[in-house]
């Protein structure tokens, strides 16, 4: 269903950007044939979506390698047994198949969930979290990650990234064509409408600049969605285990060390705790204080 909705959304996006793009080009006296315009839209959609979809389907194997995750088949101690049992109970309550459970070595208190299918996901926790948090705090963290899986957040995040990439590529191309043609003092007909329209040097320079600017704007929107889904996963954990467990978990994270390793920063959007940015607009996670405050406002579960 999510893939179907994504296809429909992508079609709607292409319709919208085609209308806006044609308006922009017409203002500068640039015309594209129907086949050229369709080809441009398809090219941008492919460039925008294929990479994100490949990353989604490879997410489990990529994260296992990046974090050095050891999948737990059978527990070797009481803590590992508690981890597997808790994930199993939470998955049953959420109506999910049992995810893979893993642990990775890290001094940071952290956990993540990933996978292209909500019924074939991976939930992994750091060794520091497993052996330094108490059971209630761990339950809160695991409830948060299981909620991510149940909400399909990994899929939704990837699909949104693909749509935004399409916008970035398409409008960068359109604006570059318009500006380069305007600076050259001539328009272009359907035969001349190519990456070399107007001044090729201007086109490629403007295109590079537009991709940076539009990419920053798209990232801000993506990070807004990421922050929203964190609040939703916190609320999901509150429903599964009670909000006190999630509040205790977030307070424990505040006491823990910050995430600052390179490989974990690479996958920060997957984790329960993310690095702070220069501005909240570019943060994948709300501040822990804001998340705790939001949980305290929830009705008691």
Foldseek 3Di string as FASTA:
>chain_A
DVVVVLVVVLVVLLVVLLVVLVVLQVVLPADADPVRSVVLLVVLLCVLAVVLVVCQACVVVVVCVLQVKDWPPDDPDDLVVLVQVLQCLLCVVLVEARETETEGEDQAFKWFKGHQALNHIYIYTYPNNSPPDDSLLVLLQSLLRNLCSSVSVRNVLSSLRSSLSSVQQNVLQSVLLSVQQVVQPHYYYNVQPDCPRRPNVSSVVSSVVSSVVSVVVSLLVSLVVLAVSLLVSLVSSCVRRNNVSNLSNLVVNVVTDADDDDSCQVVQSRMNHHHDDPDSSNHSHDRSVVSSVSSVPDDTD
